[in-house]
C-alpha atoms as a PDB file:
ATOM      1  CA  MET A   1       9.742 -19.030   0.265  1.00  0.00           C
ATOM      2  CA  ASN A   2       7.913 -18.196   3.505  1.00  0.00           C
ATOM      3  CA  ASN A   3       5.140 -15.588   3.834  1.00  0.00           C
ATOM      4  CA  LYS A   4       7.475 -12.875   5.098  1.00  0.00           C
ATOM      5  CA  GLU A   5       9.782 -13.343   2.111  1.00  0.00           C
ATOM      6  CA  LYS A   6       6.792 -13.301  -0.267  1.00  0.00           C
ATOM      7  CA  GLY A   7       5.629 -10.074   1.344  1.00  0.00           C
ATOM      8  CA  ARG A   8       9.036  -8.420   0.986  1.00  0.00           C
ATOM      9  CA  LEU A   9       9.292  -9.507  -2.639  1.00  0.00           C
ATOM     10  CA  GLY A  10       5.785  -8.215  -3.360  1.00  0.00           C
ATOM     11  CA  GLU A  11       6.592  -4.855  -1.760  1.00  0.00           C
ATOM     12  CA  LYS A  12       9.772  -4.573  -3.825  1.00  0.00           C
ATOM     13  CA  ILE A  13       7.837  -5.330  -7.035  1.00  0.00           C
ATOM     14  CA  ALA A  14       5.118  -2.824  -6.090  1.00  0.00           C
ATOM     15  CA  CYS A  15       7.724  -0.183  -5.261  1.00  0.00           C
ATOM     16  CA  ASN A  16       9.430  -0.640  -8.638  1.00  0.00           C
ATOM     17  CA  TYR A  17       6.027  -0.466 -10.356  1.00  0.00           C
ATOM     18  CA  LEU A  18       5.242   2.872  -8.672  1.00  0.00           C
ATOM     19  CA  ILE A  19       8.658   4.303  -9.546  1.00  0.00           C
ATOM     20  CA  LYS A  20       8.211   3.266 -13.201  1.00  0.00           C
ATOM     21  CA  ASN A  21       4.885   5.116 -13.132  1.00  0.00           C
ATOM     22  CA  ASN A  22       6.552   8.348 -11.977  1.00  0.00           C
ATOM     23  CA  PHE A  23       5.750   8.104  -8.279  1.00  0.00           C
ATOM     24  CA  HIS A  24       8.287   9.244  -5.729  1.00  0.00           C
ATOM     25  CA  ILE A  25       8.552   6.827  -2.785  1.00  0.00           C
ATOM     26  CA  LEU A  26       8.407   8.746   0.495  1.00  0.00           C
ATOM     27  CA  GLU A  27       8.377   5.825   2.927  1.00  0.00           C
ATOM     28  CA  LYS A  28       8.633   2.056   2.984  1.00  0.00           C
ATOM     29  CA  ASN A  29       7.141   0.095   5.872  1.00  0.00           C
ATOM     30  CA  TYR A  30       6.125   3.181   7.850  1.00  0.00           C
ATOM     31  CA  ARG A  31       5.297   2.008  11.386  1.00  0.00           C
ATOM     32  CA  THR A  32       3.572   3.528  14.380  1.00  0.00           C
ATOM     33  CA  LYS A  33       2.074   2.003  17.524  1.00  0.00           C
ATOM     34  CA  ILE A  34      -1.244   1.793  15.673  1.00  0.00           C
ATOM     35  CA  GLY A  35      -0.117   0.034  12.510  1.00  0.00           C
ATOM     36  CA  GLU A  36       2.006  -0.065   9.390  1.00  0.00           C
ATOM     37  CA  ILE A  37       1.728   1.261   5.867  1.00  0.00           C
ATOM     38  CA  ASP A  38       3.677  -0.688   3.271  1.00  0.00           C
ATOM     39  CA  LEU A  39       4.413   2.205   0.894  1.00  0.00           C
ATOM     40  CA  ILE A  40       3.800   5.933   0.951  1.00  0.00           C
ATOM     41  CA  ALA A  41       4.216   7.540  -2.455  1.00  0.00           C
ATOM     42  CA  TYR A  42       3.815  10.988  -3.990  1.00  0.00           C
ATOM     43  CA  LYS A  43       2.835  12.172  -7.466  1.00  0.00           C
ATOM     44  CA  GLU A  44       1.256  15.363  -8.753  1.00  0.00           C
ATOM     45  CA  ASN A  45       0.191  16.836  -5.404  1.00  0.00           C
ATOM     46  CA  LYS A  46      -1.245  13.517  -4.211  1.00  0.00           C
ATOM     47  CA  ILE A  47       0.011  11.250  -1.482  1.00  0.00           C
ATOM     48  CA  LEU A  48      -0.827   7.571  -1.756  1.00  0.00           C
ATOM     49  CA  PHE A  49      -0.916   5.213   1.181  1.00  0.00           C
ATOM     50  CA  VAL A  50      -0.428   1.800  -0.389  1.00  0.00           C
ATOM     51  CA  GLU A  51      -1.152  -1.625   1.033  1.00  0.00           C
ATOM     52  CA  VAL A  52       0.644  -4.377  -0.882  1.00  0.00           C
ATOM     53  CA  LYS A  53      -0.755  -7.900  -0.917  1.00  0.00           C
ATOM     54  CA  SER A  54       1.143 -10.737  -2.603  1.00  0.00           C
ATOM     55  CA  ARG A  55      -0.038 -14.198  -3.546  1.00  0.00           C
ATOM     56  CA  LYS A  56       1.303 -17.125  -5.530  1.00  0.00           C
ATOM     57  CA  SER A  57      -2.240 -18.092  -6.534  1.00  0.00           C
ATOM     58  CA  ILE A  58      -5.843 -17.133  -5.894  1.00  0.00           C
ATOM     59  CA  ASN A  59      -6.703 -20.474  -4.285  1.00  0.00           C
ATOM     60  CA  TYR A  60      -7.485 -18.631  -1.050  1.00  0.00           C
ATOM     61  CA  GLY A  61      -9.035 -15.536  -2.617  1.00  0.00           C
ATOM     62  CA  TYR A  62      -7.819 -12.356  -4.238  1.00  0.00           C
ATOM     63  CA  PRO A  63      -5.083 -10.499  -2.380  1.00  0.00           C
ATOM     64  CA  SER A  64      -7.174  -7.352  -1.931  1.00  0.00           C
ATOM     65  CA  GLU A  65      -9.801  -9.344  -0.025  1.00  0.00           C
ATOM     66  CA  ALA A  66      -7.335  -9.492   2.864  1.00  0.00           C
ATOM     67  CA  VAL A  67      -7.625  -5.714   3.287  1.00  0.00           C
ATOM     68  CA  ASN A  68     -10.728  -5.907   5.435  1.00  0.00           C
ATOM     69  CA  TYR A  69     -12.491  -3.118   7.330  1.00  0.00           C
ATOM     70  CA  LYS A  70     -10.285  -3.504  10.423  1.00  0.00           C
ATOM     71  CA  LYS A  71      -7.096  -3.326   8.309  1.00  0.00           C
ATOM     72  CA  GLN A  72      -8.440  -0.267   6.469  1.00  0.00           C
ATOM     73  CA  ARG A  73      -9.127   1.533   9.786  1.00  0.00           C
ATOM     74  CA  LYS A  74      -5.555   0.813  10.947  1.00  0.00           C
ATOM     75  CA  ILE A  75      -4.103   2.145   7.684  1.00  0.00           C
ATOM     76  CA  ILE A  76      -6.261   5.277   7.858  1.00  0.00           C
ATOM     77  CA  SER A  77      -5.288   5.936  11.497  1.00  0.00           C
ATOM     78  CA  THR A  78      -1.612   5.442  10.692  1.00  0.00           C
ATOM     79  CA  ALA A  79      -1.939   7.732   7.658  1.00  0.00           C
ATOM     80  CA  LYS A  80      -3.507  10.445   9.837  1.00  0.00           C
ATOM     81  CA  GLN A  81      -0.534  10.232  12.198  1.00  0.00           C
ATOM     82  CA  TYR A  82       1.856  10.490   9.250  1.00  0.00           C
ATOM     83  CA  ILE A  83       0.033  13.551   7.887  1.00  0.00           C
ATOM     84  CA  MET A  84       0.127  15.254  11.302  1.00  0.00           C
ATOM     85  CA  TYR A  85       3.773  14.315  11.949  1.00  0.00           C
ATOM     86  CA  LYS A  86       4.901  15.596   8.534  1.00  0.00           C
ATOM     87  CA  ASN A  87       2.589  18.644   8.777  1.00  0.00           C
ATOM     88  CA  ILE A  88       1.102  17.916   5.345  1.00  0.00           C
ATOM     89  CA  LYS A  89      -1.499  20.382   4.140  1.00  0.00           C
ATOM     90  CA  ASN A  90      -3.419  21.046   0.947  1.00  0.00           C
ATOM     91  CA  MET A  91      -2.691  17.720  -0.688  1.00  0.00           C
ATOM     92  CA  ASP A  92      -4.981  15.053  -2.020  1.00  0.00           C
ATOM     93  CA  ILE A  93      -4.633  11.649  -0.429  1.00  0.00           C
ATOM     94  CA  GLY A  94      -5.550   8.194  -1.633  1.00  0.00           C
ATOM     95  CA  PHE A  95      -5.629   4.699  -0.226  1.00  0.00           C
ATOM     96  CA  ASP A  96      -4.586   2.154  -2.834  1.00  0.00           C
ATOM     97  CA  VAL A  97      -4.053  -1.584  -2.824  1.00  0.00           C
ATOM     98  CA  ILE A  98      -1.514  -3.214  -5.088  1.00  0.00           C
ATOM     99  CA  GLU A  99      -2.034  -6.908  -5.686  1.00  0.00           C
ATOM    100  CA  VAL A 100       1.106  -8.781  -6.705  1.00  0.00           C
ATOM    101  CA  TYR A 101       0.679 -12.180  -8.322  1.00  0.00           C
ATOM    102  CA  LEU A 102       4.068 -13.812  -7.878  1.00  0.00           C
ATOM    103  CA  SER A 103       3.464 -16.858 -10.079  1.00  0.00           C
ATOM    104  CA  ASP A 104       2.369 -14.719 -13.059  1.00  0.00           C
ATOM    105  CA  ASN A 105       4.667 -11.771 -12.320  1.00  0.00           C
ATOM    106  CA  ASP A 106       1.553  -9.602 -12.653  1.00  0.00           C
ATOM    107  CA  ILE A 107       0.315  -6.515 -10.786  1.00  0.00           C
ATOM    108  CA  ASN A 108      -3.175  -5.145 -10.217  1.00  0.00           C
ATOM    109  CA  HIS A 109      -3.180  -1.550  -8.943  1.00  0.00           C
ATOM    110  CA  ILE A 110      -6.508  -0.756  -7.290  1.00  0.00           C
ATOM    111  CA  GLU A 111      -6.715   3.007  -6.999  1.00  0.00           C
ATOM    112  CA  ASN A 112      -8.837   4.522  -4.240  1.00  0.00           C
ATOM    113  CA  ALA A 113      -9.523   1.035  -2.883  1.00  0.00           C
ATOM    114  CA  PHE A 114     -11.062   2.559   0.228  1.00  0.00           C
ATOM    115  CA  CYS A 115     -11.607   6.009   1.685  1.00  0.00           C
ATOM    116  CA  VAL A 116     -11.927   7.911   4.935  1.00  0.00           C
ATOM    117  CA  ASN A 117     -15.533   8.021   6.108  1.00  0.00           C
END
């Protein structure tokens, strides 16, 4: 399985996890010129912008460690465009990271992994 296939599988697992936890999926792989957001979900007046990171092992570090400052800024900028485009007002927003461990079939949902400064 190549990295792209691992990524797609991880996103599918994360999407199913969110649905099982009563989230409504608004977008998958939302793209702009600035960047991409893997999943955009909604629950109880809150919109989540979710970055999904998948790994077979932690030999090269935890998946969330790949969501560095530069990646966070791209996600935040893309989220701002989404909010403006959809004319979203009076809603809470969050930036989460979902780590998917493919070898263990395990998920770690990191809520509010980063925020807008």
